[in-house]
Amino acid sequence: MEGTDLPDADDACRILDRQPNLLEYEPAETSEDCEGVGQPNIADVFGEINGTSVRTSFRRDNECNVKTWKKLESLLGTVQEK
C-alpha cells in the first residue's frame, strides 16, 4: 500500500477489509475506568477503503485506549512500552 510505513501493510488492509468498523474508533476519556498512562503516542490513519475516504486518530493516553491500540497493532504498529 503506497504511503504506509507499516511492516505488513497487506495484513492491515486485510483487517480493515474484514472489519471496516474499526475505523469508527472513539477515544475513551481518561476517568476512573480508564486511568491515564501518560503515553503521547498518536496514530493518524487516513486513506480510502472500499471507495470511502477515511481519517481517524488513535491514541495511547489511558488504559482503555492502550487496550484498543494493542488489538489493532497490525494496523497501527507496535509501540515500545517505557
PDB file of N, CA and C in Angstrom:
ATOM      1  N   MET A   1       0.846  -1.169   0.000  1.00  0.00           N
ATOM      2  CA  MET A   1       0.000   0.000   0.000  1.00  0.00           C
ATOM      3  C   MET A   1       0.888   1.228   0.000  1.00  0.00           C
ATOM      4  N   GLU A   2       0.764   2.051  -0.978  1.00  0.00           N
ATOM      5  CA  GLU A   2       1.583   3.249  -1.084  1.00  0.00           C
ATOM      6  C   GLU A   2       1.303   4.220   0.060  1.00  0.00           C
ATOM      7  N   GLY A   3       2.348   4.799   0.595  1.00  0.00           N
ATOM      8  CA  GLY A   3       2.186   5.812   1.623  1.00  0.00           C
ATOM      9  C   GLY A   3       2.247   5.296   3.054  1.00  0.00           C
ATOM     10  N   THR A   4       2.368   4.006   3.239  1.00  0.00           N
ATOM     11  CA  THR A   4       2.406   3.451   4.587  1.00  0.00           C
ATOM     12  C   THR A   4       3.834   3.134   4.995  1.00  0.00           C
ATOM     13  N   ASP A   5       4.064   3.119   6.288  1.00  0.00           N
ATOM     14  CA  ASP A   5       5.360   2.671   6.776  1.00  0.00           C
ATOM     15  C   ASP A   5       5.191   1.457   7.684  1.00  0.00           C
ATOM     16  N   LEU A   6       4.077   0.779   7.524  1.00  0.00           N
ATOM     17  CA  LEU A   6       3.818  -0.436   8.294  1.00  0.00           C
ATOM     18  C   LEU A   6       4.664  -1.583   7.765  1.00  0.00           C
ATOM     19  N   PRO A   7       5.111  -2.450   8.657  1.00  0.00           N
ATOM     20  CA  PRO A   7       5.889  -3.592   8.193  1.00  0.00           C
ATOM     21  C   PRO A   7       5.071  -4.559   7.356  1.00  0.00           C
ATOM     22  N   ASP A   8       3.768  -4.638   7.564  1.00  0.00           N
ATOM     23  CA  ASP A   8       2.921  -5.538   6.784  1.00  0.00           C
ATOM     24  C   ASP A   8       1.622  -4.827   6.404  1.00  0.00           C
ATOM     25  N   ALA A   9       1.716  -3.945   5.442  1.00  0.00           N
ATOM     26  CA  ALA A   9       0.560  -3.164   5.006  1.00  0.00           C
ATOM     27  C   ALA A   9      -0.552  -4.064   4.457  1.00  0.00           C
ATOM     28  N   ASP A  10      -0.169  -5.164   3.795  1.00  0.00           N
ATOM     29  CA  ASP A  10      -1.186  -6.063   3.249  1.00  0.00           C
ATOM     30  C   ASP A  10      -2.044  -6.654   4.367  1.00  0.00           C
ATOM     31  N   ASP A  11      -1.414  -7.017   5.495  1.00  0.00           N
ATOM     32  CA  ASP A  11      -2.158  -7.551   6.630  1.00  0.00           C
ATOM     33  C   ASP A  11      -3.112  -6.493   7.183  1.00  0.00           C
ATOM     34  N   ALA A  12      -2.648  -5.257   7.297  1.00  0.00           N
ATOM     35  CA  ALA A  12      -3.507  -4.167   7.787  1.00  0.00           C
ATOM     36  C   ALA A  12      -4.708  -3.985   6.861  1.00  0.00           C
ATOM     37  N   CYS A  13      -4.488  -4.048   5.574  1.00  0.00           N
ATOM     38  CA  CYS A  13      -5.595  -3.899   4.620  1.00  0.00           C
ATOM     39  C   CYS A  13      -6.592  -5.048   4.728  1.00  0.00           C
ATOM     40  N   ARG A  14      -6.096  -6.262   4.945  1.00  0.00           N
ATOM     41  CA  ARG A  14      -6.996  -7.410   5.120  1.00  0.00           C
ATOM     42  C   ARG A  14      -7.859  -7.225   6.370  1.00  0.00           C
ATOM     43  N   ILE A  15      -7.249  -6.734   7.454  1.00  0.00           N
ATOM     44  CA  ILE A  15      -8.006  -6.488   8.690  1.00  0.00           C
ATOM     45  C   ILE A  15      -9.116  -5.485   8.428  1.00  0.00           C
ATOM     46  N   LEU A  16      -8.799  -4.391   7.765  1.00  0.00           N
ATOM     47  CA  LEU A  16      -9.808  -3.359   7.505  1.00  0.00           C
ATOM     48  C   LEU A  16     -10.853  -3.814   6.504  1.00  0.00           C
ATOM     49  N   ASP A  17     -10.469  -4.668   5.577  1.00  0.00           N
ATOM     50  CA  ASP A  17     -11.444  -5.184   4.624  1.00  0.00           C
ATOM     51  C   ASP A  17     -12.486  -6.033   5.345  1.00  0.00           C
ATOM     52  N   ARG A  18     -12.039  -6.812   6.343  1.00  0.00           N
ATOM     53  CA  ARG A  18     -12.951  -7.665   7.109  1.00  0.00           C
ATOM     54  C   ARG A  18     -13.721  -6.877   8.165  1.00  0.00           C
ATOM     55  N   GLN A  19     -13.087  -5.826   8.734  1.00  0.00           N
ATOM     56  CA  GLN A  19     -13.700  -5.079   9.835  1.00  0.00           C
ATOM     57  C   GLN A  19     -13.530  -3.572   9.642  1.00  0.00           C
ATOM     58  N   PRO A  20     -14.163  -2.986   8.635  1.00  0.00           N
ATOM     59  CA  PRO A  20     -14.001  -1.543   8.407  1.00  0.00           C
ATOM     60  C   PRO A  20     -14.512  -0.692   9.572  1.00  0.00           C
ATOM     61  N   ASN A  21     -15.372  -1.267  10.410  1.00  0.00           N
ATOM     62  CA  ASN A  21     -15.893  -0.512  11.558  1.00  0.00           C
ATOM     63  C   ASN A  21     -14.799  -0.187  12.574  1.00  0.00           C
ATOM     64  N   LEU A  22     -13.632  -0.809  12.473  1.00  0.00           N
ATOM     65  CA  LEU A  22     -12.528  -0.484  13.374  1.00  0.00           C
ATOM     66  C   LEU A  22     -12.136   0.988  13.255  1.00  0.00           C
ATOM     67  N   LEU A  23     -12.410   1.569  12.096  1.00  0.00           N
ATOM     68  CA  LEU A  23     -12.060   2.969  11.886  1.00  0.00           C
ATOM     69  C   LEU A  23     -13.087   3.923  12.489  1.00  0.00           C
ATOM     70  N   GLU A  24     -14.108   3.386  13.121  1.00  0.00           N
ATOM     71  CA  GLU A  24     -15.110   4.214  13.790  1.00  0.00           C
ATOM     72  C   GLU A  24     -14.747   4.436  15.257  1.00  0.00           C
ATOM     73  N   TYR A  25     -13.500   4.215  15.591  1.00  0.00           N
ATOM     74  CA  TYR A  25     -12.977   4.338  16.946  1.00  0.00           C
ATOM     75  C   TYR A  25     -13.273   5.713  17.537  1.00  0.00           C
ATOM     76  N   GLU A  26     -13.799   5.709  18.743  1.00  0.00           N
ATOM     77  CA  GLU A  26     -13.979   6.929  19.525  1.00  0.00           C
ATOM     78  C   GLU A  26     -13.074   6.793  20.749  1.00  0.00           C
ATOM     79  N   PRO A  27     -12.083   7.654  20.905  1.00  0.00           N
ATOM     80  CA  PRO A  27     -11.176   7.506  22.042  1.00  0.00           C
ATOM     81  C   PRO A  27     -11.912   7.627  23.372  1.00  0.00           C
ATOM     82  N   ALA A  28     -11.486   6.815  24.326  1.00  0.00           N
ATOM     83  CA  ALA A  28     -12.062   6.865  25.674  1.00  0.00           C
ATOM     84  C   ALA A  28     -11.420   8.019  26.432  1.00  0.00           C
ATOM     85  N   GLU A  29     -12.242   8.732  27.172  1.00  0.00           N
ATOM     86  CA  GLU A  29     -11.734   9.813  28.004  1.00  0.00           C
ATOM     87  C   GLU A  29     -11.088   9.224  29.252  1.00  0.00           C
ATOM     88  N   THR A  30     -10.069   9.877  29.752  1.00  0.00           N
ATOM     89  CA  THR A  30      -9.431   9.440  30.981  1.00  0.00           C
ATOM     90  C   THR A  30     -10.399   9.636  32.141  1.00  0.00           C
ATOM     91  N   SER A  31     -10.591   8.585  32.929  1.00  0.00           N
ATOM     92  CA  SER A  31     -11.551   8.612  34.033  1.00  0.00           C
ATOM     93  C   SER A  31     -11.156   7.537  35.038  1.00  0.00           C
ATOM     94  N   GLU A  32     -12.007   7.303  36.025  1.00  0.00           N
ATOM     95  CA  GLU A  32     -11.747   6.224  36.981  1.00  0.00           C
ATOM     96  C   GLU A  32     -11.687   4.877  36.276  1.00  0.00           C
ATOM     97  N   ASP A  33     -12.482   4.698  35.225  1.00  0.00           N
ATOM     98  CA  ASP A  33     -12.500   3.441  34.482  1.00  0.00           C
ATOM     99  C   ASP A  33     -11.304   3.302  33.538  1.00  0.00           C
ATOM    100  N   CYS A  34     -10.750   4.418  33.114  1.00  0.00           N
ATOM    101  CA  CYS A  34      -9.651   4.430  32.140  1.00  0.00           C
ATOM    102  C   CYS A  34      -8.548   5.346  32.650  1.00  0.00           C
ATOM    103  N   GLU A  35      -7.742   4.832  33.572  1.00  0.00           N
ATOM    104  CA  GLU A  35      -6.693   5.651  34.175  1.00  0.00           C
ATOM    105  C   GLU A  35      -5.677   6.105  33.135  1.00  0.00           C
ATOM    106  N   GLY A  36      -5.199   7.340  33.290  1.00  0.00           N
ATOM    107  CA  GLY A  36      -4.191   7.886  32.392  1.00  0.00           C
ATOM    108  C   GLY A  36      -2.862   7.168  32.538  1.00  0.00           C
ATOM    109  N   VAL A  37      -2.132   7.043  31.420  1.00  0.00           N
ATOM    110  CA  VAL A  37      -0.831   6.381  31.438  1.00  0.00           C
ATOM    111  C   VAL A  37       0.282   7.283  30.914  1.00  0.00           C
ATOM    112  N   GLY A  38      -0.049   8.456  30.432  1.00  0.00           N
ATOM    113  CA  GLY A  38       0.964   9.417  30.023  1.00  0.00           C
ATOM    114  C   GLY A  38       1.776   9.032  28.808  1.00  0.00           C
ATOM    115  N   GLN A  39       1.229   8.254  27.896  1.00  0.00           N
ATOM    116  CA  GLN A  39       1.937   7.904  26.663  1.00  0.00           C
ATOM    117  C   GLN A  39       1.441   8.820  25.551  1.00  0.00           C
ATOM    118  N   PRO A  40       2.332   9.591  24.938  1.00  0.00           N
ATOM    119  CA  PRO A  40       1.913  10.588  23.959  1.00  0.00           C
ATOM    120  C   PRO A  40       1.697  10.039  22.545  1.00  0.00           C
ATOM    121  N   ASN A  41       1.711   8.736  22.360  1.00  0.00           N
ATOM    122  CA  ASN A  41       1.620   8.162  21.016  1.00  0.00           C
ATOM    123  C   ASN A  41       0.272   8.430  20.371  1.00  0.00           C
ATOM    124  N   ILE A  42       0.318   8.854  19.106  1.00  0.00           N
ATOM    125  CA  ILE A  42      -0.880   9.079  18.306  1.00  0.00           C
ATOM    126  C   ILE A  42      -0.631   8.481  16.927  1.00  0.00           C
ATOM    127  N   ALA A  43      -1.612   7.752  16.415  1.00  0.00           N
ATOM    128  CA  ALA A  43      -1.529   7.211  15.059  1.00  0.00           C
ATOM    129  C   ALA A  43      -2.653   7.833  14.240  1.00  0.00           C
ATOM    130  N   ASP A  44      -2.296   8.513  13.168  1.00  0.00           N
ATOM    131  CA  ASP A  44      -3.284   9.053  12.239  1.00  0.00           C
ATOM    132  C   ASP A  44      -3.446   8.054  11.106  1.00  0.00           C
ATOM    133  N   VAL A  45      -4.666   7.616  10.893  1.00  0.00           N
ATOM    134  CA  VAL A  45      -4.982   6.654   9.841  1.00  0.00           C
ATOM    135  C   VAL A  45      -5.865   7.368   8.827  1.00  0.00           C
ATOM    136  N   PHE A  46      -5.400   7.400   7.589  1.00  0.00           N
ATOM    137  CA  PHE A  46      -6.210   8.039   6.563  1.00  0.00           C
ATOM    138  C   PHE A  46      -5.958   7.369   5.225  1.00  0.00           C
ATOM    139  N   GLY A  47      -6.940   7.476   4.373  1.00  0.00           N
ATOM    140  CA  GLY A  47      -6.857   6.861   3.052  1.00  0.00           C
ATOM    141  C   GLY A  47      -8.243   6.566   2.539  1.00  0.00           C
ATOM    142  N   GLU A  48      -8.355   5.460   1.839  1.00  0.00           N
ATOM    143  CA  GLU A  48      -9.636   5.080   1.249  1.00  0.00           C
ATOM    144  C   GLU A  48      -9.837   3.595   1.452  1.00  0.00           C
ATOM    145  N   ILE A  49     -11.055   3.225   1.837  1.00  0.00           N
ATOM    146  CA  ILE A  49     -11.401   1.816   1.974  1.00  0.00           C
ATOM    147  C   ILE A  49     -12.754   1.596   1.307  1.00  0.00           C
ATOM    148  N   ASN A  50     -12.770   0.672   0.378  1.00  0.00           N
ATOM    149  CA  ASN A  50     -13.989   0.342  -0.366  1.00  0.00           C
ATOM    150  C   ASN A  50     -14.642   1.591  -0.958  1.00  0.00           C
ATOM    151  N   GLY A  51     -13.821   2.514  -1.461  1.00  0.00           N
ATOM    152  CA  GLY A  51     -14.330   3.706  -2.122  1.00  0.00           C
ATOM    153  C   GLY A  51     -14.726   4.840  -1.189  1.00  0.00           C
ATOM    154  N   THR A  52     -14.537   4.665   0.102  1.00  0.00           N
ATOM    155  CA  THR A  52     -14.904   5.697   1.072  1.00  0.00           C
ATOM    156  C   THR A  52     -13.643   6.266   1.709  1.00  0.00           C
ATOM    157  N   SER A  53     -13.533   7.591   1.727  1.00  0.00           N
ATOM    158  CA  SER A  53     -12.395   8.229   2.389  1.00  0.00           C
ATOM    159  C   SER A  53     -12.529   8.072   3.895  1.00  0.00           C
ATOM    160  N   VAL A  54     -11.412   7.798   4.537  1.00  0.00           N
ATOM    161  CA  VAL A  54     -11.408   7.659   5.994  1.00  0.00           C
ATOM    162  C   VAL A  54     -10.275   8.485   6.571  1.00  0.00           C
ATOM    163  N   ARG A  55     -10.496   8.992   7.756  1.00  0.00           N
ATOM    164  CA  ARG A  55      -9.462   9.667   8.530  1.00  0.00           C
ATOM    165  C   ARG A  55      -9.855   9.585   9.991  1.00  0.00           C
ATOM    166  N   THR A  56      -8.981   9.002  10.795  1.00  0.00           N
ATOM    167  CA  THR A  56      -9.217   8.889  12.222  1.00  0.00           C
ATOM    168  C   THR A  56      -7.872   8.844  12.931  1.00  0.00           C
ATOM    169  N   SER A  57      -7.885   9.077  14.209  1.00  0.00           N
ATOM    170  CA  SER A  57      -6.666   9.030  15.011  1.00  0.00           C
ATOM    171  C   SER A  57      -6.868   8.098  16.195  1.00  0.00           C
ATOM    172  N   PHE A  58      -5.827   7.403  16.548  1.00  0.00           N
ATOM    173  CA  PHE A  58      -5.814   6.524  17.711  1.00  0.00           C
ATOM    174  C   PHE A  58      -4.755   7.069  18.654  1.00  0.00           C
ATOM    175  N   ARG A  59      -4.985   6.933  19.960  1.00  0.00           N
ATOM    176  CA  ARG A  59      -4.011   7.432  20.923  1.00  0.00           C
ATOM    177  C   ARG A  59      -3.834   6.440  22.063  1.00  0.00           C
ATOM    178  N   ARG A  60      -2.786   6.652  22.850  1.00  0.00           N
ATOM    179  CA  ARG A  60      -2.445   5.744  23.939  1.00  0.00           C
ATOM    180  C   ARG A  60      -2.322   6.517  25.251  1.00  0.00           C
ATOM    181  N   ASP A  61      -3.247   7.393  25.532  1.00  0.00           N
ATOM    182  CA  ASP A  61      -3.121   8.254  26.704  1.00  0.00           C
ATOM    183  C   ASP A  61      -3.783   7.706  27.965  1.00  0.00           C
ATOM    184  N   ASN A  62      -4.516   6.613  27.842  1.00  0.00           N
ATOM    185  CA  ASN A  62      -5.081   5.971  29.034  1.00  0.00           C
ATOM    186  C   ASN A  62      -5.196   4.468  28.785  1.00  0.00           C
ATOM    187  N   GLU A  63      -5.486   3.731  29.856  1.00  0.00           N
ATOM    188  CA  GLU A  63      -5.505   2.265  29.766  1.00  0.00           C
ATOM    189  C   GLU A  63      -6.478   1.737  28.726  1.00  0.00           C
ATOM    190  N   CYS A  64      -7.648   2.364  28.610  1.00  0.00           N
ATOM    191  CA  CYS A  64      -8.648   1.886  27.640  1.00  0.00           C
ATOM    192  C   CYS A  64      -8.148   2.073  26.205  1.00  0.00           C
ATOM    193  N   ASN A  65      -7.553   3.222  25.912  1.00  0.00           N
ATOM    194  CA  ASN A  65      -7.044   3.463  24.569  1.00  0.00           C
ATOM    195  C   ASN A  65      -5.835   2.589  24.251  1.00  0.00           C
ATOM    196  N   VAL A  66      -5.017   2.274  25.248  1.00  0.00           N
ATOM    197  CA  VAL A  66      -3.889   1.366  25.045  1.00  0.00           C
ATOM    198  C   VAL A  66      -4.406  -0.027  24.675  1.00  0.00           C
ATOM    199  N   LYS A  67      -5.464  -0.490  25.342  1.00  0.00           N
ATOM    200  CA  LYS A  67      -6.045  -1.808  25.021  1.00  0.00           C
ATOM    201  C   LYS A  67      -6.540  -1.843  23.582  1.00  0.00           C
ATOM    202  N   THR A  68      -7.196  -0.770  23.144  1.00  0.00           N
ATOM    203  CA  THR A  68      -7.673  -0.711  21.761  1.00  0.00           C
ATOM    204  C   THR A  68      -6.492  -0.756  20.802  1.00  0.00           C
ATOM    205  N   TRP A  69      -5.451   0.013  21.078  1.00  0.00           N
ATOM    206  CA  TRP A  69      -4.257   0.043  20.221  1.00  0.00           C
ATOM    207  C   TRP A  69      -3.667  -1.348  20.095  1.00  0.00           C
ATOM    208  N   LYS A  70      -3.546  -2.043  21.219  1.00  0.00           N
ATOM    209  CA  LYS A  70      -2.945  -3.382  21.189  1.00  0.00           C
ATOM    210  C   LYS A  70      -3.750  -4.338  20.314  1.00  0.00           C
ATOM    211  N   LYS A  71      -5.078  -4.202  20.304  1.00  0.00           N
ATOM    212  CA  LYS A  71      -5.918  -5.036  19.443  1.00  0.00           C
ATOM    213  C   LYS A  71      -5.644  -4.741  17.974  1.00  0.00           C
ATOM    214  N   LEU A  72      -5.205  -3.523  17.674  1.00  0.00           N
ATOM    215  CA  LEU A  72      -5.024  -3.077  16.295  1.00  0.00           C
ATOM    216  C   LEU A  72      -3.555  -2.925  15.903  1.00  0.00           C
ATOM    217  N   GLU A  73      -2.656  -3.609  16.599  1.00  0.00           N
ATOM    218  CA  GLU A  73      -1.229  -3.439  16.317  1.00  0.00           C
ATOM    219  C   GLU A  73      -0.860  -3.725  14.864  1.00  0.00           C
ATOM    220  N   SER A  74      -1.548  -4.633  14.204  1.00  0.00           N
ATOM    221  CA  SER A  74      -1.255  -4.894  12.796  1.00  0.00           C
ATOM    222  C   SER A  74      -1.533  -3.667  11.938  1.00  0.00           C
ATOM    223  N   LEU A  75      -2.461  -2.859  12.375  1.00  0.00           N
ATOM    224  CA  LEU A  75      -2.815  -1.637  11.653  1.00  0.00           C
ATOM    225  C   LEU A  75      -1.964  -0.451  12.114  1.00  0.00           C
ATOM    226  N   LEU A  76      -1.778  -0.321  13.425  1.00  0.00           N
ATOM    227  CA  LEU A  76      -1.155   0.873  13.995  1.00  0.00           C
ATOM    228  C   LEU A  76       0.346   0.756  14.244  1.00  0.00           C
ATOM    229  N   GLY A  77       0.829  -0.466  14.358  1.00  0.00           N
ATOM    230  CA  GLY A  77       2.240  -0.665  14.661  1.00  0.00           C
ATOM    231  C   GLY A  77       2.443  -0.890  16.150  1.00  0.00           C
ATOM    232  N   THR A  78       3.595  -1.450  16.477  1.00  0.00           N
ATOM    233  CA  THR A  78       3.934  -1.761  17.866  1.00  0.00           C
ATOM    234  C   THR A  78       4.663  -0.572  18.474  1.00  0.00           C
ATOM    235  N   VAL A  79       4.343  -0.290  19.734  1.00  0.00           N
ATOM    236  CA  VAL A  79       4.991   0.783  20.466  1.00  0.00           C
ATOM    237  C   VAL A  79       5.804   0.171  21.594  1.00  0.00           C
ATOM    238  N   GLN A  80       7.034   0.617  21.744  1.00  0.00           N
ATOM    239  CA  GLN A  80       7.873   0.152  22.840  1.00  0.00           C
ATOM    240  C   GLN A  80       7.371   0.781  24.133  1.00  0.00           C
ATOM    241  N   GLU A  81       6.975  -0.034  25.089  1.00  0.00           N
ATOM    242  CA  GLU A  81       6.484   0.464  26.382  1.00  0.00           C
ATOM    243  C   GLU A  81       7.673   0.933  27.190  1.00  0.00           C
ATOM    244  N   LYS A  82       7.473   2.009  27.933  1.00  0.00           N
ATOM    245  CA  LYS A  82       8.541   2.549  28.789  1.00  0.00           C
ATOM    246  C   LYS A  82       8.556   1.867  30.127  1.00  0.00           C
TER     247      LYS A  82
END
